[in-house]
N, C-alpha and C. Protein backbone atom coordinates (compact mmCIF):
# COMPACT_ATOMS: atom_id res chain seq x y z
N UNK A 1 -62.00 -27.11 -26.42
CA UNK A 1 -62.85 -28.80 -26.04
C UNK A 1 -61.71 -29.68 -25.91
N UNK A 2 -61.70 -30.15 -24.79
CA UNK A 2 -60.20 -31.19 -24.17
C UNK A 2 -60.72 -32.60 -25.25
N UNK A 3 -59.62 -33.36 -25.70
CA UNK A 3 -59.97 -34.51 -26.42
C UNK A 3 -59.79 -35.35 -24.83
N UNK A 4 -60.51 -36.70 -25.00
CA UNK A 4 -60.23 -37.80 -24.10
C UNK A 4 -58.83 -38.56 -24.80
N UNK A 5 -58.59 -39.58 -23.88
CA UNK A 5 -57.64 -40.76 -24.54
C UNK A 5 -57.64 -40.95 -25.70
N UNK A 6 -58.94 -41.74 -26.07
CA UNK A 6 -59.23 -42.52 -26.77
C UNK A 6 -58.71 -41.12 -28.47
N UNK A 7 -59.47 -40.54 -28.68
CA UNK A 7 -59.12 -39.06 -29.32
C UNK A 7 -58.14 -38.71 -29.52
N UNK A 8 -56.94 -38.61 -28.48
CA UNK A 8 -56.11 -38.38 -28.37
C UNK A 8 -55.32 -39.09 -29.40
N UNK A 9 -55.08 -40.39 -29.06
CA UNK A 9 -54.22 -41.51 -29.73
C UNK A 9 -54.59 -41.57 -30.73
N UNK A 10 -56.08 -41.23 -31.67
CA UNK A 10 -56.43 -41.33 -32.73
C UNK A 10 -55.87 -40.19 -33.80
N UNK A 11 -55.71 -38.77 -32.87
CA UNK A 11 -54.97 -37.78 -33.44
C UNK A 11 -53.34 -38.11 -33.94
N UNK A 12 -52.83 -38.61 -32.73
CA UNK A 12 -51.61 -39.38 -32.24
C UNK A 12 -51.58 -40.19 -33.53
N UNK A 13 -52.11 -41.22 -34.03
CA UNK A 13 -51.81 -42.15 -35.23
C UNK A 13 -52.27 -41.18 -36.55
N UNK A 14 -52.64 -40.44 -36.64
CA UNK A 14 -52.57 -39.50 -38.01
C UNK A 14 -52.02 -38.89 -37.73
N UNK A 15 -51.41 -38.27 -37.09
CA UNK A 15 -50.15 -37.43 -37.31
C UNK A 15 -49.16 -38.22 -37.68
N UNK A 16 -48.85 -39.72 -36.91
CA UNK A 16 -47.41 -40.27 -37.18
C UNK A 16 -47.40 -40.68 -38.54
N UNK A 17 -48.44 -40.98 -38.95
CA UNK A 17 -49.14 -41.46 -40.67
C UNK A 17 -49.01 -40.06 -41.27
N UNK A 18 -49.08 -39.16 -41.21
CA UNK A 18 -48.70 -38.20 -42.03
C UNK A 18 -47.17 -37.57 -42.55
N UNK A 19 -46.75 -37.72 -40.56
CA UNK A 19 -44.96 -37.36 -40.57
C UNK A 19 -44.01 -38.12 -40.80
N UNK A 20 -44.60 -39.75 -41.21
CA UNK A 20 -44.09 -41.16 -40.93
C UNK A 20 -44.42 -41.35 -42.03
N UNK A 21 -45.30 -40.74 -43.39
CA UNK A 21 -45.32 -41.10 -44.52
C UNK A 21 -45.74 -42.93 -44.24
N UNK A 22 -46.45 -43.10 -43.26
CA UNK A 22 -46.84 -44.66 -42.76
C UNK A 22 -47.79 -45.15 -44.01
N UNK A 23 -47.67 -45.99 -44.54
CA UNK A 23 -48.80 -46.36 -45.86
C UNK A 23 -49.57 -47.50 -45.35
N UNK A 24 -49.06 -48.53 -43.83
CA UNK A 24 -49.82 -49.75 -43.47
C UNK A 24 -50.86 -49.09 -42.47
N UNK A 25 -52.30 -49.41 -42.97
CA UNK A 25 -53.15 -49.00 -42.20
C UNK A 25 -52.81 -49.36 -40.94
N UNK A 26 -52.65 -51.28 -40.69
CA UNK A 26 -52.70 -51.68 -39.74
C UNK A 26 -51.65 -51.48 -38.69
N UNK A 27 -50.66 -50.65 -39.57
CA UNK A 27 -49.72 -49.90 -38.07
C UNK A 27 -49.91 -48.79 -37.45
N UNK A 28 -50.92 -47.83 -38.58
CA UNK A 28 -51.67 -46.64 -38.31
C UNK A 28 -52.47 -47.06 -37.08
N UNK A 29 -53.46 -47.87 -37.24
CA UNK A 29 -54.34 -49.10 -36.09
C UNK A 29 -53.70 -48.77 -35.35
N UNK A 30 -52.64 -49.55 -35.19
CA UNK A 30 -51.99 -50.05 -34.10
C UNK A 30 -51.40 -48.79 -33.18
N UNK A 31 -50.64 -47.61 -33.06
CA UNK A 31 -50.60 -46.22 -33.05
C UNK A 31 -51.69 -45.91 -32.27
N UNK A 32 -52.81 -46.23 -32.86
CA UNK A 32 -54.46 -45.70 -32.36
C UNK A 32 -54.63 -46.70 -31.41
N UNK A 33 -54.56 -47.86 -31.47
CA UNK A 33 -54.88 -48.78 -30.16
C UNK A 33 -54.21 -48.73 -28.90
N UNK A 34 -52.84 -48.83 -29.30
CA UNK A 34 -52.04 -49.45 -28.05
C UNK A 34 -51.59 -47.98 -27.08
N UNK A 35 -51.84 -47.92 -26.09
CA UNK A 35 -51.50 -47.20 -24.91
C UNK A 35 -49.95 -46.93 -24.76
N UNK A 36 -49.42 -46.05 -25.00
CA UNK A 36 -47.82 -45.53 -25.11
C UNK A 36 -47.65 -45.04 -23.91
N UNK A 37 -48.44 -44.62 -22.47
CA UNK A 37 -47.87 -44.53 -21.39
C UNK A 37 -47.52 -45.90 -20.51
N UNK A 38 -48.05 -47.20 -20.99
CA UNK A 38 -47.75 -48.45 -20.96
C UNK A 38 -46.09 -48.50 -20.64
N UNK A 39 -45.51 -47.94 -21.69
CA UNK A 39 -44.19 -48.52 -22.54
C UNK A 39 -43.30 -47.43 -21.39
N UNK A 40 -43.71 -46.41 -20.92
CA UNK A 40 -43.18 -45.23 -20.33
C UNK A 40 -42.64 -45.05 -19.02
N UNK A 41 -43.25 -45.82 -18.28
CA UNK A 41 -43.11 -45.94 -16.61
C UNK A 41 -44.24 -45.09 -16.02
N UNK A 42 -44.15 -44.89 -14.77
CA UNK A 42 -45.47 -43.82 -14.31
C UNK A 42 -45.13 -42.26 -14.52
N UNK A 43 -45.91 -41.38 -14.84
CA UNK A 43 -45.79 -40.37 -14.75
C UNK A 43 -44.85 -39.81 -13.40
N UNK A 44 -44.42 -38.59 -13.53
CA UNK A 44 -44.57 -37.55 -14.71
C UNK A 44 -43.60 -37.86 -15.52
N UNK A 45 -43.56 -38.02 -16.67
CA UNK A 45 -43.13 -38.07 -18.19
C UNK A 45 -42.05 -36.76 -18.18
N UNK A 46 -40.78 -37.28 -19.01
CA UNK A 46 -39.56 -36.14 -19.35
C UNK A 46 -39.10 -36.31 -20.67
N UNK A 47 -39.87 -34.78 -21.21
CA UNK A 47 -39.92 -34.76 -22.59
C UNK A 47 -39.03 -33.42 -23.47
N UNK A 48 -38.23 -33.47 -23.86
CA UNK A 48 -37.46 -32.57 -24.70
C UNK A 48 -38.03 -31.24 -24.77
N UNK A 49 -37.41 -30.15 -24.69
CA UNK A 49 -38.16 -28.94 -24.63
C UNK A 49 -36.81 -28.31 -25.46
N UNK A 50 -37.38 -27.29 -26.44
CA UNK A 50 -37.14 -26.55 -27.35
C UNK A 50 -35.90 -25.70 -26.56
N UNK A 51 -34.80 -25.84 -27.23
CA UNK A 51 -33.72 -24.75 -26.80
C UNK A 51 -33.17 -24.29 -27.44
N UNK A 52 -33.30 -22.50 -28.19
CA UNK A 52 -32.58 -21.63 -28.91
C UNK A 52 -31.20 -21.99 -28.85
N UNK A 53 -30.67 -22.58 -28.17
CA UNK A 53 -28.96 -22.46 -27.73
C UNK A 53 -28.31 -23.80 -28.52
N UNK A 54 -29.73 -24.79 -29.31
CA UNK A 54 -29.42 -25.78 -29.14
C UNK A 54 -29.10 -25.63 -31.02
N UNK A 55 -29.54 -24.29 -31.79
CA UNK A 55 -29.11 -23.67 -32.95
C UNK A 55 -28.15 -23.22 -33.62
N UNK A 56 -27.25 -22.92 -32.27
CA UNK A 56 -26.11 -22.13 -32.76
C UNK A 56 -25.12 -22.82 -32.32
N UNK A 57 -23.84 -22.46 -32.43
CA UNK A 57 -22.47 -23.06 -31.66
C UNK A 57 -22.63 -22.87 -30.03
N UNK A 58 -23.35 -22.32 -29.30
CA UNK A 58 -23.35 -22.35 -28.09
C UNK A 58 -24.16 -23.80 -27.22
N UNK A 59 -25.16 -24.01 -28.12
CA UNK A 59 -26.03 -25.36 -27.47
C UNK A 59 -25.03 -26.59 -27.62
N UNK A 60 -24.36 -26.70 -28.39
CA UNK A 60 -23.43 -27.90 -29.09
C UNK A 60 -23.13 -28.55 -27.41
N UNK A 61 -23.02 -28.01 -26.73
CA UNK A 61 -22.16 -29.08 -25.39
C UNK A 61 -23.10 -28.65 -24.09
N UNK A 62 -24.21 -28.24 -24.53
CA UNK A 62 -25.32 -28.72 -23.43
C UNK A 62 -26.15 -29.76 -23.18
N UNK A 63 -26.48 -29.86 -22.28
CA UNK A 63 -27.40 -31.39 -22.20
C UNK A 63 -28.76 -30.92 -22.42
N UNK A 64 -29.26 -31.60 -23.05
CA UNK A 64 -30.61 -31.16 -23.69
C UNK A 64 -31.54 -30.84 -22.28
N UNK A 65 -32.28 -30.16 -21.97
CA UNK A 65 -33.62 -29.56 -21.52
C UNK A 65 -34.93 -30.40 -21.22
N UNK A 66 -35.60 -30.53 -20.21
CA UNK A 66 -36.73 -31.74 -20.08
C UNK A 66 -37.97 -30.83 -19.56
N UNK A 67 -38.87 -31.13 -19.83
CA UNK A 67 -39.99 -30.86 -18.76
C UNK A 67 -41.22 -31.51 -18.50
N UNK A 68 -41.59 -31.26 -17.36
CA UNK A 68 -42.20 -33.13 -16.99
C UNK A 68 -43.78 -32.58 -17.89
N UNK A 69 -44.56 -33.86 -17.91
CA UNK A 69 -45.73 -34.30 -18.22
C UNK A 69 -46.08 -35.23 -17.18
N UNK A 70 -47.37 -35.08 -16.73
CA UNK A 70 -47.85 -35.92 -16.30
C UNK A 70 -49.47 -36.56 -16.42
N UNK A 71 -49.89 -35.52 -17.90
CA UNK A 71 -51.44 -35.87 -18.55
C UNK A 71 -51.18 -37.10 -19.51
N UNK A 72 -51.52 -37.90 -19.82
CA UNK A 72 -50.99 -39.02 -20.81
C UNK A 72 -51.67 -38.55 -21.81
N UNK A 73 -52.39 -37.47 -22.31
CA UNK A 73 -52.92 -37.05 -23.91
C UNK A 73 -51.62 -36.45 -24.19
N UNK A 74 -50.77 -35.66 -23.22
CA UNK A 74 -49.59 -35.27 -23.74
C UNK A 74 -48.53 -36.27 -24.62
N UNK A 75 -48.83 -37.37 -24.03
CA UNK A 75 -47.72 -37.88 -24.42
C UNK A 75 -48.07 -38.40 -26.40
N UNK A 76 -49.27 -38.36 -26.87
CA UNK A 76 -50.01 -38.10 -28.10
C UNK A 76 -49.29 -36.85 -29.00
N UNK A 77 -48.23 -37.15 -29.22
CA UNK A 77 -47.82 -36.30 -30.17
C UNK A 77 -46.33 -37.16 -30.78
N UNK A 78 -46.05 -36.37 -31.62
CA UNK A 78 -44.47 -37.53 -32.23
C UNK A 78 -43.27 -36.50 -31.37
N UNK A 79 -43.34 -37.07 -30.28
CA UNK A 79 -42.35 -36.71 -29.30
C UNK A 79 -41.69 -37.42 -28.16
N UNK A 80 -40.07 -37.21 -28.20
CA UNK A 80 -39.49 -38.21 -27.44
C UNK A 80 -39.90 -38.01 -26.06
N UNK A 81 -39.78 -39.36 -25.42
CA UNK A 81 -40.01 -39.21 -23.87
C UNK A 81 -38.87 -40.07 -23.58
N UNK A 82 -38.43 -39.33 -22.07
CA UNK A 82 -36.83 -39.66 -21.96
C UNK A 82 -37.61 -40.53 -21.02
N UNK A 83 -36.10 -41.64 -20.86
CA UNK A 83 -36.40 -43.11 -20.03
C UNK A 83 -35.83 -42.67 -18.87
N UNK A 84 -34.71 -42.55 -19.01
CA UNK A 84 -33.38 -41.85 -18.61
C UNK A 84 -33.01 -40.72 -18.64
N UNK A 85 -33.27 -39.75 -18.69
CA UNK A 85 -33.03 -38.00 -19.63
C UNK A 85 -31.54 -38.14 -19.20
N UNK A 86 -31.16 -39.10 -17.79
CA UNK A 86 -29.42 -38.15 -16.85
C UNK A 86 -28.07 -38.91 -18.18
N UNK A 87 -29.19 -40.45 -19.00
CA UNK A 87 -28.25 -40.90 -19.20
C UNK A 87 -28.57 -41.42 -21.08
N UNK A 88 -29.60 -39.80 -21.43
CA UNK A 88 -29.58 -39.73 -22.90
C UNK A 88 -30.75 -41.01 -23.31
N UNK A 89 -31.11 -41.38 -22.50
CA UNK A 89 -32.30 -42.61 -23.07
C UNK A 89 -33.79 -41.87 -23.10
N UNK A 90 -33.77 -42.48 -24.70
CA UNK A 90 -35.03 -41.97 -24.77
C UNK A 90 -35.82 -43.06 -25.23
N UNK A 91 -37.42 -42.94 -25.91
CA UNK A 91 -38.05 -44.05 -26.29
C UNK A 91 -38.05 -44.02 -27.74
N UNK A 92 -37.35 -43.00 -28.74
CA UNK A 92 -37.38 -43.31 -29.90
C UNK A 92 -38.56 -42.18 -30.44
N UNK A 93 -37.75 -41.78 -31.47
CA UNK A 93 -39.00 -40.54 -32.07
C UNK A 93 -40.28 -41.20 -33.23
N UNK A 94 -41.16 -41.28 -32.58
CA UNK A 94 -42.08 -42.11 -33.22
C UNK A 94 -42.43 -42.16 -34.41
N UNK A 95 -42.08 -41.24 -35.26
CA UNK A 95 -42.66 -41.32 -36.78
C UNK A 95 -41.31 -41.67 -37.52
N UNK A 96 -40.12 -41.84 -36.91
CA UNK A 96 -38.80 -42.47 -37.27
C UNK A 96 -39.07 -43.84 -37.27
N UNK A 97 -39.69 -44.43 -36.12
CA UNK A 97 -39.81 -46.20 -35.95
C UNK A 97 -40.89 -46.16 -36.60
N UNK A 98 -42.11 -45.67 -37.10
CA UNK A 98 -43.32 -46.00 -37.89
C UNK A 98 -42.81 -46.04 -39.29
N UNK A 99 -42.23 -45.14 -39.60
CA UNK A 99 -41.54 -44.77 -40.76
C UNK A 99 -40.44 -46.40 -41.55
N UNK A 100 -39.50 -46.60 -40.51
CA UNK A 100 -38.83 -47.83 -40.80
C UNK A 100 -39.53 -49.10 -40.40
N UNK A 101 -40.46 -49.26 -39.56
CA UNK A 101 -41.31 -50.33 -39.28
C UNK A 101 -42.25 -50.52 -40.74
N UNK A 102 -43.12 -49.54 -41.47
CA UNK A 102 -43.63 -49.67 -42.40
C UNK A 102 -42.79 -50.09 -43.61
N UNK A 103 -41.32 -49.58 -43.54
CA UNK A 103 -40.50 -50.26 -44.23
C UNK A 103 -40.74 -51.94 -44.59
N UNK A 104 -40.94 -52.46 -43.61
CA UNK A 104 -40.26 -54.19 -43.50
C UNK A 104 -41.88 -54.98 -44.14
N UNK A 105 -42.74 -54.08 -44.53
CA UNK A 105 -43.85 -54.17 -44.94
C UNK A 105 -44.36 -55.66 -44.30
N UNK A 106 -44.48 -55.41 -43.19
CA UNK A 106 -45.04 -57.06 -42.72
C UNK A 106 -46.68 -57.31 -42.78
N UNK A 107 -46.38 -58.26 -42.87
CA UNK A 107 -48.05 -59.00 -43.06
C UNK A 107 -48.51 -59.71 -41.81
N UNK A 108 -49.67 -59.97 -42.17
CA UNK A 108 -50.58 -60.19 -41.17
C UNK A 108 -49.65 -61.78 -40.34
N UNK A 109 -49.79 -61.56 -38.75
CA UNK A 109 -49.09 -62.40 -38.04
C UNK A 109 -47.65 -62.69 -37.98
N UNK A 110 -46.63 -61.63 -38.94
CA UNK A 110 -45.38 -61.13 -38.62
C UNK A 110 -45.07 -60.09 -37.34
N UNK A 111 -44.23 -59.65 -36.44
CA UNK A 111 -44.11 -59.28 -35.59
C UNK A 111 -42.66 -58.46 -35.81
N UNK A 112 -42.62 -57.46 -35.01
CA UNK A 112 -41.33 -56.47 -34.96
C UNK A 112 -40.69 -56.06 -33.54
N UNK A 113 -39.69 -56.43 -33.34
CA UNK A 113 -39.13 -56.06 -31.81
C UNK A 113 -38.00 -55.09 -31.98
N UNK A 114 -38.31 -54.03 -31.30
CA UNK A 114 -37.75 -52.72 -31.61
C UNK A 114 -36.99 -52.41 -30.27
N UNK A 115 -35.69 -52.52 -29.96
CA UNK A 115 -34.65 -52.73 -28.77
C UNK A 115 -34.02 -51.49 -28.91
N UNK A 116 -33.83 -50.70 -30.16
CA UNK A 116 -32.88 -49.84 -29.86
C UNK A 116 -31.83 -49.60 -31.01
N UNK A 117 -31.62 -48.55 -31.92
CA UNK A 117 -30.21 -48.42 -32.39
C UNK A 117 -29.10 -48.38 -31.90
N UNK A 118 -29.68 -47.30 -30.72
CA UNK A 118 -27.93 -47.00 -29.68
C UNK A 118 -27.73 -48.37 -28.79
N UNK A 119 -28.65 -49.16 -28.96
CA UNK A 119 -28.12 -50.40 -28.15
C UNK A 119 -26.82 -50.96 -28.93
N UNK A 120 -27.48 -51.06 -29.83
CA UNK A 120 -26.29 -51.63 -31.15
C UNK A 120 -24.82 -51.07 -31.38
N UNK A 121 -25.07 -49.50 -31.46
CA UNK A 121 -23.92 -49.05 -31.88
C UNK A 121 -23.32 -48.93 -30.78
N UNK A 122 -23.66 -48.49 -29.35
CA UNK A 122 -23.03 -48.82 -28.28
C UNK A 122 -22.13 -49.80 -28.09
N UNK A 123 -22.77 -50.84 -28.39
CA UNK A 123 -22.16 -52.53 -28.11
C UNK A 123 -21.14 -52.39 -29.20
N UNK A 124 -21.37 -51.93 -30.57
CA UNK A 124 -19.98 -51.86 -31.63
C UNK A 124 -18.78 -51.23 -30.98
N UNK A 125 -19.21 -49.96 -30.40
CA UNK A 125 -18.14 -48.94 -29.94
C UNK A 125 -18.11 -48.92 -28.69
N UNK A 126 -18.29 -49.60 -27.86
CA UNK A 126 -18.13 -50.06 -26.36
C UNK A 126 -17.71 -51.28 -26.09
N UNK A 127 -17.57 -52.26 -26.94
CA UNK A 127 -17.20 -53.79 -26.76
C UNK A 127 -16.92 -54.06 -25.58
N UNK A 128 -16.87 -55.54 -25.03
CA UNK A 128 -16.25 -55.52 -24.28
C UNK A 128 -16.63 -55.08 -22.46
N UNK A 129 -15.98 -55.08 -21.60
CA UNK A 129 -16.26 -54.66 -20.48
C UNK A 129 -17.19 -53.09 -20.22
N UNK A 130 -16.52 -52.29 -21.98
CA UNK A 130 -17.38 -51.19 -21.56
C UNK A 130 -19.02 -51.38 -21.88
N UNK A 131 -19.29 -51.97 -23.26
CA UNK A 131 -20.63 -52.90 -23.57
C UNK A 131 -21.18 -53.57 -22.01
N UNK A 132 -20.72 -54.19 -21.26
CA UNK A 132 -21.38 -54.86 -20.43
C UNK A 132 -22.04 -53.60 -19.61
N UNK A 133 -21.01 -53.26 -18.99
CA UNK A 133 -21.32 -52.17 -17.95
C UNK A 133 -22.46 -51.44 -18.89
N UNK A 134 -22.39 -50.75 -20.11
CA UNK A 134 -23.73 -50.47 -20.30
C UNK A 134 -24.73 -51.33 -20.50
N UNK A 135 -24.71 -52.13 -20.91
CA UNK A 135 -26.22 -53.33 -20.67
C UNK A 135 -26.51 -53.45 -19.22
N UNK A 136 -25.34 -53.88 -18.41
CA UNK A 136 -25.92 -53.51 -16.59
C UNK A 136 -26.42 -52.74 -16.47
N UNK A 137 -26.42 -51.24 -16.85
CA UNK A 137 -26.47 -50.34 -16.68
C UNK A 137 -28.54 -50.09 -16.96
N UNK A 138 -28.47 -50.77 -18.60
CA UNK A 138 -29.69 -50.59 -19.08
C UNK A 138 -30.60 -51.22 -18.96
N UNK A 139 -29.99 -52.63 -18.46
CA UNK A 139 -31.05 -53.60 -17.70
C UNK A 139 -31.53 -53.51 -15.69
N UNK A 140 -30.54 -52.85 -15.38
CA UNK A 140 -30.98 -51.82 -13.75
C UNK A 140 -31.97 -50.78 -13.80
N UNK A 141 -31.79 -49.85 -14.96
CA UNK A 141 -32.87 -48.95 -15.33
C UNK A 141 -34.01 -49.76 -15.76
N UNK A 142 -34.15 -50.74 -16.60
CA UNK A 142 -35.34 -51.49 -16.92
C UNK A 142 -36.04 -51.56 -15.79
N UNK A 143 -35.48 -52.49 -14.68
CA UNK A 143 -36.02 -53.25 -13.42
C UNK A 143 -36.61 -51.77 -12.70
N UNK A 144 -35.74 -50.20 -12.63
CA UNK A 144 -36.08 -49.83 -11.81
C UNK A 144 -37.67 -49.23 -12.29
N UNK A 145 -37.40 -49.19 -13.38
CA UNK A 145 -38.70 -48.36 -14.09
C UNK A 145 -39.51 -49.40 -14.05
N UNK A 146 -40.10 -50.69 -14.82
CA UNK A 146 -40.88 -51.75 -14.77
C UNK A 146 -40.65 -52.51 -13.87
N UNK A 147 -40.27 -53.17 -13.22
CA UNK A 147 -39.84 -54.08 -12.23
C UNK A 147 -38.86 -54.91 -12.95
N UNK A 148 -39.37 -56.33 -12.17
CA UNK A 148 -38.22 -57.18 -12.03
C UNK A 148 -38.17 -58.08 -13.23
N UNK A 149 -39.33 -58.05 -13.76
CA UNK A 149 -39.78 -59.35 -15.03
C UNK A 149 -38.94 -58.62 -16.31
N UNK A 150 -38.11 -57.28 -15.97
CA UNK A 150 -38.02 -56.59 -17.41
C UNK A 150 -36.64 -56.33 -17.57
N UNK A 151 -35.73 -57.49 -18.33
CA UNK A 151 -34.29 -57.00 -18.28
C UNK A 151 -33.70 -56.74 -19.55
């Protein structure tokens, strides 16, 4: 039996609840309601694939490998999705993000904005001109993916 998108989203929310140890029912419901594909650009999407070399010293210097998916139902798992795999940019591990958001114990009406940890780390480590170059690359990548309104 093939699940429809609503069933896939419900499964995803429950998987995130379990793997991320999420206590907030509202957060779990948000994962079930919000279409993930709306934040990932158009298909095909790039997902990292398991590489057995990563479990040995041989895999340390290898870049991650990706597989293309086009069915939005395949997005509804606890997986990273490459936003710009050539630059190592992805959307974040869903269960980790849910865990961190859940820890905030948000009240109704409060909001959270996820910019991404790597943006802060890169800015700290590559401040000045390096950080600005990285910021411009990110802005250009966002515009290329989602249009001029994203900066």
